[in-house]
Amino acid sequence: MLAVVISAMAVGVAAGQTDRVGRSLSVCVIWAAVAAFGVAIAQPMGAYTSLNVVAAAATFLFSTVIGSALALVTQRIRRHRSTLV
């Protein structure tokens, strides 16, 4: 889960460098879908098979929230810095 959080933070900051909010958020949602797919595939197939869907959904939601929040904060900081200069 730590890898998911760190990667969502990195993608959020990188997506915040774009000029448009819609593009930033779509990058975050696409990344969250890729992360959820990776978690769904990487889960062990055994006694916890029924939890694969829950873990993938949690990864998608968690990555979307963290990435989008950091993208929006990054864009706001960039706008604030550009008005100071």
N, C-alpha and C. Protein backbone atom coordinates (compact mmCIF):
# COMPACT_ATOMS: atom_id res chain seq x y z
N MET A 1 0.82 -1.19 0.00
CA MET A 1 0.00 0.00 0.00
C MET A 1 0.86 1.25 0.00
N LEU A 2 2.04 1.16 0.61
CA LEU A 2 2.94 2.30 0.61
C LEU A 2 3.36 2.67 -0.80
N ALA A 3 3.60 1.67 -1.63
CA ALA A 3 3.96 1.93 -3.02
C ALA A 3 2.82 2.62 -3.78
N VAL A 4 1.60 2.25 -3.48
CA VAL A 4 0.44 2.87 -4.12
C VAL A 4 0.34 4.34 -3.71
N VAL A 5 0.55 4.62 -2.44
CA VAL A 5 0.47 6.01 -1.95
C VAL A 5 1.57 6.86 -2.56
N ILE A 6 2.80 6.35 -2.55
CA ILE A 6 3.92 7.13 -3.10
C ILE A 6 3.74 7.36 -4.59
N SER A 7 3.30 6.34 -5.31
CA SER A 7 3.11 6.53 -6.75
C SER A 7 1.95 7.48 -7.04
N ALA A 8 0.89 7.43 -6.24
CA ALA A 8 -0.23 8.36 -6.43
C ALA A 8 0.21 9.79 -6.15
N MET A 9 1.07 9.96 -5.15
CA MET A 9 1.58 11.30 -4.85
C MET A 9 2.46 11.80 -6.00
N ALA A 10 3.31 10.95 -6.52
CA ALA A 10 4.18 11.36 -7.62
C ALA A 10 3.38 11.70 -8.88
N VAL A 11 2.39 10.89 -9.18
CA VAL A 11 1.55 11.16 -10.34
C VAL A 11 0.74 12.43 -10.13
N GLY A 12 0.25 12.67 -8.93
CA GLY A 12 -0.50 13.88 -8.65
C GLY A 12 0.32 15.14 -8.83
N VAL A 13 1.55 15.11 -8.33
CA VAL A 13 2.43 16.28 -8.49
C VAL A 13 2.79 16.48 -9.96
N ALA A 14 3.08 15.39 -10.66
CA ALA A 14 3.41 15.49 -12.08
C ALA A 14 2.21 15.97 -12.90
N ALA A 15 1.03 15.48 -12.56
CA ALA A 15 -0.17 15.90 -13.29
C ALA A 15 -0.52 17.35 -12.99
N GLY A 16 -0.14 17.84 -11.83
CA GLY A 16 -0.39 19.23 -11.48
C GLY A 16 0.43 20.21 -12.28
N GLN A 17 1.42 19.74 -13.00
CA GLN A 17 2.25 20.60 -13.83
C GLN A 17 1.58 20.97 -15.15
N THR A 18 0.48 20.31 -15.49
CA THR A 18 -0.22 20.64 -16.73
C THR A 18 -1.00 21.93 -16.55
N ASP A 19 -1.42 22.50 -17.65
CA ASP A 19 -2.10 23.80 -17.61
C ASP A 19 -3.59 23.70 -17.30
N ARG A 20 -4.18 22.59 -17.59
CA ARG A 20 -5.63 22.46 -17.43
C ARG A 20 -5.99 21.50 -16.30
N VAL A 21 -7.02 21.85 -15.57
CA VAL A 21 -7.47 21.04 -14.45
C VAL A 21 -8.03 19.71 -14.95
N GLY A 22 -8.79 19.74 -16.01
CA GLY A 22 -9.39 18.52 -16.54
C GLY A 22 -8.35 17.50 -16.96
N ARG A 23 -7.28 17.98 -17.57
CA ARG A 23 -6.22 17.07 -17.99
C ARG A 23 -5.52 16.47 -16.77
N SER A 24 -5.29 17.29 -15.75
CA SER A 24 -4.65 16.80 -14.53
C SER A 24 -5.48 15.71 -13.88
N LEU A 25 -6.77 15.96 -13.76
CA LEU A 25 -7.64 14.99 -13.11
C LEU A 25 -7.79 13.71 -13.93
N SER A 26 -7.81 13.85 -15.26
CA SER A 26 -7.92 12.64 -16.08
C SER A 26 -6.64 11.80 -15.99
N VAL A 27 -5.49 12.44 -15.88
CA VAL A 27 -4.24 11.69 -15.69
C VAL A 27 -4.31 10.92 -14.37
N CYS A 28 -4.82 11.56 -13.34
CA CYS A 28 -4.91 10.89 -12.02
C CYS A 28 -5.88 9.71 -12.06
N VAL A 29 -6.99 9.87 -12.76
CA VAL A 29 -7.97 8.78 -12.85
C VAL A 29 -7.41 7.62 -13.67
N ILE A 30 -6.70 7.94 -14.75
CA ILE A 30 -6.09 6.88 -15.56
C ILE A 30 -5.05 6.12 -14.75
N TRP A 31 -4.23 6.87 -14.00
CA TRP A 31 -3.22 6.21 -13.17
C TRP A 31 -3.90 5.33 -12.11
N ALA A 32 -4.98 5.81 -11.52
CA ALA A 32 -5.68 5.03 -10.50
C ALA A 32 -6.22 3.73 -11.10
N ALA A 33 -6.70 3.79 -12.33
CA ALA A 33 -7.20 2.58 -12.98
C ALA A 33 -6.06 1.59 -13.23
N VAL A 34 -4.91 2.10 -13.64
CA VAL A 34 -3.75 1.23 -13.87
C VAL A 34 -3.31 0.59 -12.55
N ALA A 35 -3.27 1.38 -11.48
CA ALA A 35 -2.86 0.86 -10.17
C ALA A 35 -3.85 -0.19 -9.67
N ALA A 36 -5.14 0.06 -9.86
CA ALA A 36 -6.15 -0.90 -9.42
C ALA A 36 -6.04 -2.20 -10.22
N PHE A 37 -5.76 -2.09 -11.50
CA PHE A 37 -5.57 -3.28 -12.32
C PHE A 37 -4.36 -4.07 -11.84
N GLY A 38 -3.29 -3.36 -11.52
CA GLY A 38 -2.09 -4.02 -11.01
C GLY A 38 -2.34 -4.73 -9.69
N VAL A 39 -3.10 -4.11 -8.82
CA VAL A 39 -3.42 -4.73 -7.52
C VAL A 39 -4.31 -5.94 -7.73
N ALA A 40 -5.25 -5.85 -8.65
CA ALA A 40 -6.14 -6.98 -8.90
C ALA A 40 -5.37 -8.18 -9.44
N ILE A 41 -4.36 -7.93 -10.24
CA ILE A 41 -3.56 -9.03 -10.79
C ILE A 41 -2.58 -9.57 -9.77
N ALA A 42 -2.01 -8.69 -8.96
CA ALA A 42 -0.96 -9.09 -8.02
C ALA A 42 -1.48 -9.79 -6.77
N GLN A 43 -2.75 -9.73 -6.50
CA GLN A 43 -3.30 -10.37 -5.31
C GLN A 43 -3.17 -11.88 -5.42
N PRO A 44 -2.90 -12.54 -4.32
CA PRO A 44 -2.76 -14.00 -4.36
C PRO A 44 -4.10 -14.68 -4.65
N MET A 45 -4.01 -15.75 -5.35
CA MET A 45 -5.21 -16.54 -5.67
C MET A 45 -5.30 -17.69 -4.67
N GLY A 46 -6.08 -17.52 -3.66
CA GLY A 46 -6.20 -18.56 -2.65
C GLY A 46 -7.39 -18.27 -1.77
N ALA A 47 -7.14 -18.25 -0.49
CA ALA A 47 -8.22 -18.02 0.47
C ALA A 47 -8.77 -16.60 0.39
N TYR A 48 -7.97 -15.66 -0.13
CA TYR A 48 -8.39 -14.26 -0.17
C TYR A 48 -8.82 -13.81 -1.57
N THR A 49 -9.21 -14.73 -2.39
CA THR A 49 -9.62 -14.39 -3.75
C THR A 49 -10.81 -13.46 -3.77
N SER A 50 -11.71 -13.60 -2.84
CA SER A 50 -12.90 -12.75 -2.81
C SER A 50 -12.56 -11.31 -2.46
N LEU A 51 -11.40 -11.07 -1.88
CA LEU A 51 -11.01 -9.71 -1.52
C LEU A 51 -10.29 -8.97 -2.64
N ASN A 52 -10.02 -9.63 -3.76
CA ASN A 52 -9.35 -8.99 -4.89
C ASN A 52 -10.12 -7.77 -5.39
N VAL A 53 -11.41 -7.92 -5.52
CA VAL A 53 -12.23 -6.82 -6.02
C VAL A 53 -12.25 -5.66 -5.03
N VAL A 54 -12.34 -5.98 -3.76
CA VAL A 54 -12.36 -4.94 -2.73
C VAL A 54 -11.03 -4.20 -2.68
N ALA A 55 -9.92 -4.94 -2.76
CA ALA A 55 -8.60 -4.31 -2.74
C ALA A 55 -8.38 -3.45 -3.98
N ALA A 56 -8.83 -3.91 -5.14
CA ALA A 56 -8.69 -3.12 -6.37
C ALA A 56 -9.55 -1.86 -6.31
N ALA A 57 -10.77 -1.96 -5.80
CA ALA A 57 -11.63 -0.78 -5.68
C ALA A 57 -11.06 0.22 -4.68
N ALA A 58 -10.55 -0.27 -3.57
CA ALA A 58 -9.95 0.62 -2.58
C ALA A 58 -8.72 1.31 -3.15
N THR A 59 -7.92 0.59 -3.91
CA THR A 59 -6.75 1.19 -4.55
C THR A 59 -7.16 2.26 -5.54
N PHE A 60 -8.19 2.00 -6.33
CA PHE A 60 -8.66 2.99 -7.29
C PHE A 60 -9.13 4.26 -6.60
N LEU A 61 -9.97 4.10 -5.59
CA LEU A 61 -10.50 5.27 -4.90
C LEU A 61 -9.40 6.04 -4.16
N PHE A 62 -8.56 5.33 -3.48
CA PHE A 62 -7.48 5.95 -2.71
C PHE A 62 -6.52 6.70 -3.63
N SER A 63 -6.12 6.07 -4.74
CA SER A 63 -5.22 6.71 -5.68
C SER A 63 -5.86 7.93 -6.34
N THR A 64 -7.13 7.83 -6.65
CA THR A 64 -7.82 8.96 -7.27
C THR A 64 -7.86 10.16 -6.32
N VAL A 65 -8.21 9.92 -5.07
CA VAL A 65 -8.31 11.02 -4.11
C VAL A 65 -6.95 11.66 -3.86
N ILE A 66 -5.94 10.86 -3.60
CA ILE A 66 -4.61 11.41 -3.30
C ILE A 66 -4.04 12.13 -4.51
N GLY A 67 -4.09 11.49 -5.67
CA GLY A 67 -3.54 12.10 -6.88
C GLY A 67 -4.24 13.38 -7.27
N SER A 68 -5.56 13.38 -7.20
CA SER A 68 -6.32 14.58 -7.57
C SER A 68 -6.07 15.72 -6.60
N ALA A 69 -6.00 15.41 -5.32
CA ALA A 69 -5.74 16.46 -4.33
C ALA A 69 -4.37 17.09 -4.55
N LEU A 70 -3.37 16.27 -4.77
CA LEU A 70 -2.04 16.82 -5.00
C LEU A 70 -1.94 17.55 -6.33
N ALA A 71 -2.66 17.11 -7.34
CA ALA A 71 -2.67 17.82 -8.62
C ALA A 71 -3.28 19.21 -8.45
N LEU A 72 -4.39 19.28 -7.74
CA LEU A 72 -5.04 20.57 -7.53
C LEU A 72 -4.19 21.50 -6.67
N VAL A 73 -3.56 20.97 -5.64
CA VAL A 73 -2.69 21.79 -4.79
C VAL A 73 -1.48 22.28 -5.59
N THR A 74 -0.91 21.41 -6.40
CA THR A 74 0.24 21.81 -7.21
C THR A 74 -0.13 22.91 -8.19
N GLN A 75 -1.29 22.79 -8.82
CA GLN A 75 -1.72 23.84 -9.75
C GLN A 75 -1.98 25.15 -9.02
N ARG A 76 -2.53 25.08 -7.85
CA ARG A 76 -2.80 26.30 -7.08
C ARG A 76 -1.49 26.98 -6.67
N ILE A 77 -0.52 26.19 -6.26
CA ILE A 77 0.78 26.75 -5.89
C ILE A 77 1.44 27.39 -7.11
N ARG A 78 1.37 26.73 -8.26
CA ARG A 78 1.95 27.29 -9.47
C ARG A 78 1.28 28.61 -9.84
N ARG A 79 -0.04 28.69 -9.74
CA ARG A 79 -0.75 29.94 -10.04
C ARG A 79 -0.39 31.05 -9.06
N HIS A 80 -0.27 30.67 -7.80
CA HIS A 80 0.08 31.66 -6.77
C HIS A 80 1.48 32.21 -7.01
N ARG A 81 2.41 31.34 -7.35
CA ARG A 81 3.79 31.78 -7.61
C ARG A 81 3.88 32.65 -8.87
N SER A 82 3.05 32.35 -9.87
CA SER A 82 3.11 33.15 -11.09
C SER A 82 2.52 34.55 -10.89
N THR A 83 1.62 34.70 -9.92
CA THR A 83 1.08 36.03 -9.66
C THR A 83 2.02 36.86 -8.79
N LEU A 84 2.92 36.22 -8.06
CA LEU A 84 3.87 36.96 -7.23
C LEU A 84 4.99 37.60 -8.05
N VAL A 85 5.30 36.98 -9.18
CA VAL A 85 6.42 37.47 -9.99
C VAL A 85 6.01 38.62 -10.86
